[in-house]
Every structure is written in C-alpha cells, then in structure tokens.
Amino acid sequence: MAQKRPRAALRNARPARSDTDTFERLLIEALGQIDQAIIVLDRDLRVAFANPQYRRMYNLPEAGFDLGCAYLEILTYICANGEFGQGPYEHHIAQRMQPILARAPLRAERWRPCGMHIQIVGKAIGSGGYVLTFTDVTERDRMSEAIEAEVVGRTAKLRQANAELQRLASLDPLLGLLNRRAFFSVLEDRLAHDRDRAWHHAILMLDLDRFKSVNDAYGHAAGDLVLVRTAAAIRSAIRRDDIFGRFGGEEFVLMLPDVSDTVALRMAERIRLAIARMAIEIAGTTIGITASIGVAGITEAAPDIAAAIVRADQGVYDAKNAGRDRVRLGARAQAGGTDVARCVVPSRDESDPAIS
C-alpha cells in the first residue's frame, strides 16, 4: 500500500521543472493582459521583467531595453524625451530613484505631458529587488469629473426647483401677487433693513365694492377676471419699490415706502381712479368695479405692523360707510376719517416726485 505524504511535505513540495515553466509562462501571459504597466527590478536594480504595457506607456523602443538593463538607463531615456518636464535630468532621476534605492514603499501621482494621469505604486520584494506598477487613471478622472458635473448640475436644478417652490408658495396662484404670509414677511424684512434710519411708510388696505354681486350675477370665473384686471390696474398705478399683495378674497394690501400721509393719500387716489376707469367685458356685457381704500402711516417711532393694518382696515370701513369708491385715512391718524377729495388734489397732478 502506498504511504501517504505528510501535509507539510505537500505544502513545501516544489513543482517539477516542466510545471514551473508552464506556471511562469501563464504568469507572464496574465501580466501581459492586465491594464497596469509593471516593471520588476532585481537586487541590482536591473530589469527582471516588464510587461508590454510598460513599454507602450513610455514609448520604449522594442530593442535596447531588454531584460538585464539598468533601470537608471530607462529613466534617463524617458527623461531625455521630456517625460519629466523641465529642469536638470539629475534632479528628476534622483527624485525617482530615491525610494527605490532605499527600498521604501512608494505611492505617487504623475501627470504626463500627453495629459495622462498615472498612479505609481512601488514596493520592495524579498530578494532585494523592487516592483513598480503604473495605473492609467485618466479615464477614471474623466468619469469622476463627469459624475461631479452631473451632481453639480442636479444640485443646481434641485436648488432652482426648491427656490421655485418657495416662490410659488409665497404667491397667490391666481394673481401672482404676494400672499398674506409672504407680504408680512417681506414687510418685516423691509422694516428690519430700515431700523437704523428715520422713516415714514404707508399701509394701504383695498377692498372691492360689491364684489359678491359680480360672482352672483356672472359666476366665479367672471369674479376671477375682475380680480386679475384689478391687480393689473393697481400695478400700473404704483412704483416699482412698492410692496403689493393679496390679503384674501377681494382684499388687497400695499406698503408704500418713504411717503408722507399726504402723498400716500394721493397715491391711493391714483389707484382708486385706475380701478374705477376699468371696463371689463363679461359675456357680452361691460361692467365696472370700484374700490374702497384705507390708508395708515407707520414710522420708526411706531413700527407696529398689525396696528397699522387695523387702522388701514378701519379706513376701508369708513370709506364704505361714506358711500364706497373713495379713500380714507386711518382713524388714529385723523379721527373720524378724512375724505381724500377734501384734502388732496387728484393723482393726475404729477408734480410730486414721490408718485412718479
């Protein structure tokens, strides 16, 4: 009966010469198929192996750098071809030979003149030699850059989408005006911006007269048309810096910065006239609409927004009680309200720059 060989003997057994030759041939073929360039140096730093990728990477001639040539000769040839850039050859070669001579681990990045980006890894081997691998990561860089650009682009689109959502959330969907919450937010920001100076602004509350009768007689689509036309008329009568929003239903609200009560009343009268002059075609019928407007001043000494809104709203009630289609100053500014027709000239007088 054949005697079994001990496990240790199996581990330490060397393959027969023919098997070794086959293994070496397969290894060389495999190293010739990988993407990386590889060069193996013996203890004298002469070439013991270099795969075809290494020759192609550095454009080495087919003859002249065979096995056994000094690695220093290869570096000198590569340097002479301008591979390492400007400067003395000795400096470039010494820099690259230093870790190899010291048998120290090497990790380096190189950008070749042709634009190729190479990662170089070097390590000493047990026989006293040294092995270097060169990996072309140029395509990976391009892919990373493309991915990064895609991420940046998508992030920008996401920010734009979020900004658009925030914008839409702050606007009245029918009229494109600031909604009530956004109006107060913008107004608070404006007052915070003005806190270090003296100022006098005005709040206007505007309510369309007998708007419910339009909805009842012609339907809500007609009511929406009236609101759209009214918003356009108000826009045409105010300044670029005036803050304009929809308070709710048929109510509108404005803040006129840096105006006196007198100028605010005059601007409110301009708005009232712009609305009253509208001719709106609905189902073959021409209708008109009017508005009652309340005005309240607000200053740095009394910057209470809510109180100013209440006073302007009271001015609306005073205007309606006085017959509608008119402008009234809020109660605290002048007890009982003041009919604009008795205290200011019509807005068609353009002599005051504050209303131009």
Protein backbone atom coordinates (compact mmCIF):
# COMPACT_ATOMS: atom_id res chain seq x y z
CA MET A 1 0.00 0.00 0.00
CA ALA A 2 1.36 3.46 -0.94
CA GLN A 3 2.37 5.58 2.01
CA LYS A 4 0.59 8.97 2.30
CA ARG A 5 2.80 12.06 2.21
CA PRO A 6 2.57 14.36 5.23
CA ARG A 7 0.61 17.61 4.75
CA ALA A 8 3.75 19.70 5.45
CA ALA A 9 5.56 17.88 2.72
CA LEU A 10 2.75 18.66 0.30
CA ARG A 11 2.90 22.33 1.16
CA ASN A 12 6.65 22.51 0.75
CA ALA A 13 6.83 20.40 -2.37
CA ARG A 14 8.13 22.27 -5.42
CA PRO A 15 6.55 21.66 -8.81
CA ALA A 16 8.52 19.76 -11.40
CA ARG A 17 10.57 21.86 -13.85
CA SER A 18 8.01 21.46 -16.60
CA ASP A 19 5.29 22.63 -14.24
CA THR A 20 7.39 25.65 -13.23
CA ASP A 21 7.93 26.59 -16.85
CA THR A 22 4.20 26.33 -17.51
CA PHE A 23 3.42 28.45 -14.46
CA GLU A 24 5.91 31.14 -15.42
CA ARG A 25 4.57 31.21 -18.97
CA LEU A 26 1.00 31.57 -17.71
CA LEU A 27 2.04 34.29 -15.27
CA ILE A 28 3.81 36.26 -17.98
CA GLU A 29 0.80 35.91 -20.27
CA ALA A 30 -1.52 37.06 -17.49
CA LEU A 31 0.63 40.08 -16.66
CA GLY A 32 0.61 40.94 -20.34
CA GLN A 33 -3.21 41.10 -20.32
CA ILE A 34 -3.83 43.37 -17.32
CA ASP A 35 -4.39 47.10 -17.61
CA GLN A 36 -1.49 48.14 -15.42
CA ALA A 37 2.10 48.57 -16.54
CA ILE A 38 4.52 46.55 -14.40
CA ILE A 39 8.29 46.50 -14.12
CA VAL A 40 10.23 44.23 -11.76
CA LEU A 41 13.81 45.08 -10.79
CA ASP A 42 16.34 42.66 -9.32
CA ARG A 43 18.57 43.43 -6.36
CA ASP A 44 20.95 45.33 -8.66
CA LEU A 45 18.00 47.40 -9.94
CA ARG A 46 18.18 45.82 -13.36
CA VAL A 47 15.05 44.86 -15.27
CA ALA A 48 13.96 41.35 -14.39
CA PHE A 49 10.54 41.70 -16.02
CA ALA A 50 8.49 44.36 -17.81
CA ASN A 51 5.12 43.73 -19.40
CA PRO A 52 4.22 45.21 -22.81
CA GLN A 53 2.03 47.85 -21.18
CA TYR A 54 5.11 49.43 -19.60
CA ARG A 55 6.88 49.72 -22.93
CA ARG A 56 3.79 51.21 -24.56
CA MET A 57 3.17 53.65 -21.72
CA TYR A 58 6.61 55.21 -22.04
CA ASN A 59 7.13 54.56 -25.76
CA LEU A 60 10.21 52.44 -25.19
CA PRO A 61 11.79 51.05 -28.36
CA GLU A 62 11.50 47.32 -28.99
CA ALA A 63 15.27 46.94 -28.81
CA GLY A 64 17.75 48.45 -26.42
CA PHE A 65 15.98 47.99 -23.11
CA ASP A 66 15.87 44.26 -22.71
CA LEU A 67 15.95 42.19 -19.57
CA GLY A 68 19.03 42.95 -17.55
CA CYS A 69 19.36 46.61 -18.49
CA ALA A 70 19.71 49.07 -15.64
CA TYR A 71 16.53 50.88 -14.58
CA LEU A 72 18.62 54.05 -14.44
CA GLU A 73 19.12 53.80 -18.22
CA ILE A 74 15.35 53.64 -18.74
CA LEU A 75 14.77 56.68 -16.55
CA THR A 76 17.48 58.59 -18.42
CA TYR A 77 15.87 57.74 -21.77
CA ILE A 78 12.41 58.75 -20.54
CA CYS A 79 13.75 61.98 -19.08
CA ALA A 80 15.54 62.82 -22.35
CA ASN A 81 12.18 62.51 -24.15
CA GLY A 82 10.77 65.29 -21.98
CA GLU A 83 8.62 62.99 -19.85
CA PHE A 84 9.57 64.61 -16.55
CA GLY A 85 9.28 68.22 -17.63
CA GLN A 86 11.84 70.98 -17.46
CA GLY A 87 14.87 71.09 -15.18
CA PRO A 88 18.12 69.16 -14.82
CA TYR A 89 17.93 65.45 -15.64
CA GLU A 90 19.88 64.65 -12.50
CA HIS A 91 17.21 66.20 -10.27
CA HIS A 92 14.32 64.30 -11.87
CA ILE A 93 16.16 60.99 -11.92
CA ALA A 94 17.43 61.31 -8.34
CA GLN A 95 13.92 62.13 -7.16
CA ARG A 96 12.52 58.98 -8.73
CA MET A 97 15.38 56.72 -7.71
CA GLN A 98 15.41 57.77 -4.06
CA PRO A 99 12.60 55.49 -2.74
CA ILE A 100 13.79 52.63 -4.93
CA LEU A 101 17.37 52.85 -3.64
CA ALA A 102 16.03 52.95 -0.10
CA ARG A 103 13.67 50.03 -0.84
CA ALA A 104 10.96 52.24 0.63
CA PRO A 105 7.26 51.99 -0.22
CA LEU A 106 6.21 54.40 -2.95
CA ARG A 107 2.87 55.98 -3.78
CA ALA A 108 2.91 58.81 -6.27
CA GLU A 109 0.74 60.67 -8.78
CA ARG A 110 2.20 61.76 -12.11
CA TRP A 111 0.67 63.82 -14.88
CA ARG A 112 2.44 63.08 -18.13
CA PRO A 113 2.95 65.76 -20.83
CA CYS A 114 0.40 63.94 -23.00
CA GLY A 115 -2.25 64.54 -20.33
CA MET A 116 -2.27 61.02 -18.95
CA HIS A 117 -2.71 60.76 -15.19
CA ILE A 118 -0.77 57.87 -13.66
CA GLN A 119 -0.80 56.40 -10.18
CA ILE A 120 2.53 54.74 -9.30
CA VAL A 121 2.92 52.17 -6.54
CA GLY A 122 6.31 50.70 -5.63
CA LYS A 123 7.33 48.09 -3.08
CA ALA A 124 10.47 46.17 -2.20
CA ILE A 125 10.39 42.40 -2.74
CA GLY A 126 12.05 39.69 -0.67
CA SER A 127 15.00 39.08 -2.97
CA GLY A 128 16.16 42.67 -2.53
CA GLY A 129 14.54 43.77 -5.75
CA TYR A 130 11.72 46.23 -6.33
CA VAL A 131 8.42 46.12 -8.20
CA LEU A 132 6.58 49.14 -9.65
CA THR A 133 3.05 49.30 -11.03
CA PHE A 134 1.74 52.16 -13.15
CA THR A 135 -2.03 52.63 -13.45
CA ASP A 136 -3.57 54.96 -16.02
CA VAL A 137 -6.44 56.67 -14.17
CA THR A 138 -7.13 59.31 -16.81
CA GLU A 139 -10.45 57.77 -17.82
CA ARG A 140 -11.43 57.38 -14.19
CA ASP A 141 -10.71 61.08 -13.73
CA ARG A 142 -12.91 61.91 -16.69
CA MET A 143 -15.69 59.77 -15.30
CA SER A 144 -15.29 61.36 -11.87
CA GLU A 145 -15.39 64.80 -13.42
CA ALA A 146 -18.46 63.86 -15.44
CA ILE A 147 -20.15 62.48 -12.35
CA GLU A 148 -19.19 65.55 -10.35
CA ALA A 149 -20.51 67.81 -13.10
CA GLU A 150 -23.73 65.79 -13.14
CA VAL A 151 -24.04 66.08 -9.38
CA VAL A 152 -23.37 69.83 -9.53
CA GLY A 153 -25.91 70.20 -12.31
CA ARG A 154 -28.55 68.20 -10.49
CA THR A 155 -27.86 70.08 -7.26
CA ALA A 156 -28.28 73.38 -9.09
CA LYS A 157 -31.55 72.15 -10.62
CA LEU A 158 -32.73 70.98 -7.21
CA ARG A 159 -31.91 74.36 -5.70
CA GLN A 160 -33.72 76.07 -8.55
CA ALA A 161 -36.71 73.78 -8.04
CA ASN A 162 -36.70 74.47 -4.30
CA ALA A 163 -36.42 78.19 -4.93
CA GLU A 164 -39.30 77.96 -7.39
CA LEU A 165 -41.38 76.01 -4.87
CA GLN A 166 -40.65 78.64 -2.24
CA ARG A 167 -41.54 81.37 -4.71
CA LEU A 168 -44.78 79.66 -5.67
CA ALA A 169 -45.62 79.07 -2.01
CA SER A 170 -45.28 82.81 -1.43
CA LEU A 171 -47.50 83.86 -4.35
CA ASP A 172 -51.21 83.97 -4.85
CA PRO A 173 -51.88 81.32 -7.53
CA LEU A 174 -54.45 83.39 -9.42
CA LEU A 175 -52.82 86.81 -9.44
CA GLY A 176 -49.13 86.08 -8.95
CA LEU A 177 -49.05 88.56 -6.06
CA LEU A 178 -47.54 88.03 -2.64
CA ASN A 179 -49.94 86.11 -0.45
CA ARG A 180 -50.73 87.39 3.03
CA ARG A 181 -47.95 85.48 4.81
CA ALA A 182 -45.33 86.45 2.22
CA PHE A 183 -46.44 90.09 2.30
CA PHE A 184 -45.87 90.31 6.05
CA SER A 185 -42.52 88.52 5.69
CA VAL A 186 -41.32 90.98 3.03
CA LEU A 187 -42.66 93.90 5.06
CA GLU A 188 -40.83 92.75 8.21
CA ASP A 189 -37.59 92.38 6.22
CA ARG A 190 -38.02 95.89 4.87
CA LEU A 191 -38.57 97.38 8.34
CA ALA A 192 -35.56 95.46 9.69
CA HIS A 193 -33.48 96.93 6.83
CA ASP A 194 -34.68 100.44 7.76
CA ARG A 195 -34.11 100.16 11.51
CA ASP A 196 -31.02 102.40 11.55
CA ARG A 197 -32.69 105.41 9.95
CA ALA A 198 -35.75 107.59 10.33
CA TRP A 199 -38.58 106.61 8.01
CA HIS A 200 -42.27 107.05 7.28
CA HIS A 201 -44.11 104.45 5.22
CA ALA A 202 -47.78 103.89 4.49
CA ILE A 203 -50.03 100.84 4.57
CA LEU A 204 -52.96 100.67 2.15
CA MET A 205 -55.87 98.26 2.52
CA LEU A 206 -58.14 97.98 -0.52
CA ASP A 207 -61.48 96.19 -0.78
CA LEU A 208 -63.52 95.90 -3.98
CA ASP A 209 -67.04 97.26 -3.66
CA ARG A 210 -69.99 94.89 -4.16
CA PHE A 211 -67.68 92.17 -5.48
CA LYS A 212 -70.06 89.43 -4.31
CA SER A 213 -72.70 90.71 -6.70
CA VAL A 214 -70.29 90.10 -9.62
CA ASN A 215 -69.82 86.48 -8.56
CA ASP A 216 -73.56 86.02 -8.02
CA ALA A 217 -74.53 87.55 -11.36
CA TYR A 218 -71.78 86.25 -13.64
CA GLY A 219 -70.09 83.35 -11.82
CA HIS A 220 -66.74 82.85 -10.17
CA ALA A 221 -64.81 82.84 -13.46
CA ALA A 222 -66.02 86.39 -14.02
CA GLY A 223 -65.02 87.25 -10.48
CA ASP A 224 -61.54 85.90 -11.15
CA LEU A 225 -61.31 88.05 -14.27
CA VAL A 226 -62.25 91.13 -12.25
CA LEU A 227 -59.53 90.31 -9.72
CA VAL A 228 -56.93 89.83 -12.46
CA ARG A 229 -57.86 93.14 -14.12
CA THR A 230 -57.87 94.91 -10.75
CA ALA A 231 -54.40 93.62 -9.88
CA ALA A 232 -53.13 94.85 -13.26
CA ALA A 233 -54.71 98.28 -12.72
CA ILE A 234 -53.08 98.60 -9.29
CA ARG A 235 -49.70 97.59 -10.68
CA SER A 236 -49.98 100.30 -13.32
CA ALA A 237 -50.57 102.93 -10.63
CA ILE A 238 -47.77 102.10 -8.15
CA ARG A 239 -44.00 102.33 -8.09
CA ARG A 240 -41.51 99.51 -8.60
CA ASP A 241 -40.45 99.52 -4.93
CA ASP A 242 -43.97 99.40 -3.53
CA ILE A 243 -44.90 96.09 -1.89
CA PHE A 244 -48.16 94.66 -3.21
CA GLY A 245 -50.07 91.59 -2.10
CA ARG A 246 -53.44 89.90 -1.93
CA PHE A 247 -54.80 89.95 1.58
CA GLY A 248 -57.57 87.48 0.82
CA GLY A 249 -60.75 87.30 -1.26
CA GLU A 250 -61.29 90.69 -2.89
CA GLU A 251 -58.94 92.47 -0.46
CA PHE A 252 -55.51 93.79 -1.44
CA VAL A 253 -52.75 95.27 0.71
CA LEU A 254 -49.82 97.55 -0.16
CA MET A 255 -46.89 99.15 1.60
CA LEU A 256 -45.66 102.40 0.11
CA PRO A 257 -42.14 103.11 1.40
CA ASP A 258 -40.89 106.60 2.24
CA VAL A 259 -44.09 108.58 1.72
CA SER A 260 -45.94 111.03 3.92
CA ASP A 261 -49.63 110.57 4.73
CA THR A 262 -50.50 113.23 2.16
CA VAL A 263 -48.55 111.55 -0.62
CA ALA A 264 -49.93 108.14 0.40
CA LEU A 265 -53.48 109.51 0.10
CA ARG A 266 -52.66 110.90 -3.33
CA MET A 267 -51.23 107.56 -4.48
CA ALA A 268 -54.28 105.73 -3.09
CA GLU A 269 -56.49 108.09 -5.10
CA ARG A 270 -54.50 107.26 -8.22
CA ILE A 271 -55.12 103.55 -7.57
CA ARG A 272 -58.84 104.17 -6.96
CA LEU A 273 -59.19 106.02 -10.24
CA ALA A 274 -57.29 103.32 -12.17
CA ILE A 275 -59.77 100.73 -10.90
CA ALA A 276 -62.85 102.86 -11.44
CA ARG A 277 -61.88 103.54 -15.06
CA MET A 278 -61.74 99.85 -15.99
CA ALA A 279 -64.27 98.49 -18.48
CA ILE A 280 -64.48 94.70 -18.17
CA GLU A 281 -66.20 92.62 -20.85
CA ILE A 282 -68.08 89.63 -19.41
CA ALA A 283 -70.45 87.52 -21.52
CA GLY A 284 -71.12 90.41 -23.90
CA THR A 285 -71.71 92.86 -21.09
CA THR A 286 -69.41 95.65 -19.98
CA ILE A 287 -69.17 96.04 -16.23
CA GLY A 288 -67.16 98.24 -13.91
CA ILE A 289 -65.90 97.88 -10.37
CA THR A 290 -64.87 100.31 -7.65
CA ALA A 291 -62.76 100.06 -4.53
CA SER A 292 -62.70 101.48 -1.03
CA ILE A 293 -59.20 102.19 0.26
CA GLY A 294 -57.90 102.81 3.77
CA VAL A 295 -54.54 104.44 4.47
CA ALA A 296 -52.40 104.30 7.62
CA GLY A 297 -48.96 105.73 8.28
CA ILE A 298 -46.24 103.73 10.01
CA THR A 299 -42.99 105.19 11.33
CA GLU A 300 -39.78 104.13 13.08
CA ALA A 301 -41.26 105.57 16.28
CA ALA A 302 -44.37 103.39 15.99
CA PRO A 303 -43.44 100.42 13.77
CA ASP A 304 -46.34 98.16 14.79
CA ILE A 305 -47.41 96.49 11.54
CA ALA A 306 -50.53 94.87 13.00
CA ALA A 307 -51.74 98.20 14.42
CA ALA A 308 -51.17 99.90 11.04
CA ILE A 309 -53.19 97.16 9.29
CA VAL A 310 -56.04 97.66 11.77
CA ARG A 311 -56.04 101.42 11.18
CA ALA A 312 -55.95 100.98 7.39
CA ASP A 313 -58.76 98.45 7.63
CA GLN A 314 -60.76 100.95 9.66
CA GLY A 315 -60.19 103.44 6.86
CA VAL A 316 -61.78 100.91 4.44
CA TYR A 317 -64.87 100.68 6.67
CA ASP A 318 -65.05 104.46 6.88
CA ALA A 319 -64.84 104.67 3.08
CA LYS A 320 -67.63 102.13 2.63
CA ASN A 321 -69.80 103.81 5.23
CA ALA A 322 -69.26 107.11 3.42
CA GLY A 323 -70.62 105.67 0.15
CA ARG A 324 -67.79 103.44 -1.20
CA ASP A 325 -65.40 104.24 -4.09
CA ARG A 326 -63.23 106.55 -2.02
CA VAL A 327 -60.08 106.79 0.08
CA ARG A 328 -59.96 107.36 3.83
CA LEU A 329 -57.13 107.88 6.28
CA GLY A 330 -56.99 105.53 9.26
CA ALA A 331 -58.77 106.64 12.42
CA ARG A 332 -55.71 107.25 14.61
CA ALA A 333 -54.11 109.50 12.02
CA GLN A 334 -57.23 111.70 11.88
CA ALA A 335 -60.29 111.00 13.99
CA GLY A 336 -63.41 110.12 12.02
CA GLY A 337 -61.54 109.63 8.78
CA THR A 338 -60.87 112.19 6.10
CA ASP A 339 -62.30 112.11 2.60
CA VAL A 340 -59.38 112.40 0.20
CA ALA A 341 -61.38 114.68 -2.07
CA ARG A 342 -61.27 117.33 0.67
CA CYS A 343 -57.56 117.16 1.49
CA VAL A 344 -55.54 116.34 -1.64
CA VAL A 345 -55.57 117.14 -5.31
CA PRO A 346 -56.27 114.28 -7.75
CA SER A 347 -53.36 111.97 -8.63
CA ARG A 348 -53.24 113.28 -12.18
CA ASP A 349 -51.13 116.12 -10.80
CA GLU A 350 -47.67 114.60 -11.37
CA SER A 351 -45.71 117.43 -9.74
CA ASP A 352 -44.88 115.38 -6.65
CA PRO A 353 -41.85 113.11 -7.43
CA ALA A 354 -42.97 110.59 -4.83
CA ILE A 355 -45.79 109.42 -7.08
CA SER A 356 -43.98 109.47 -10.41
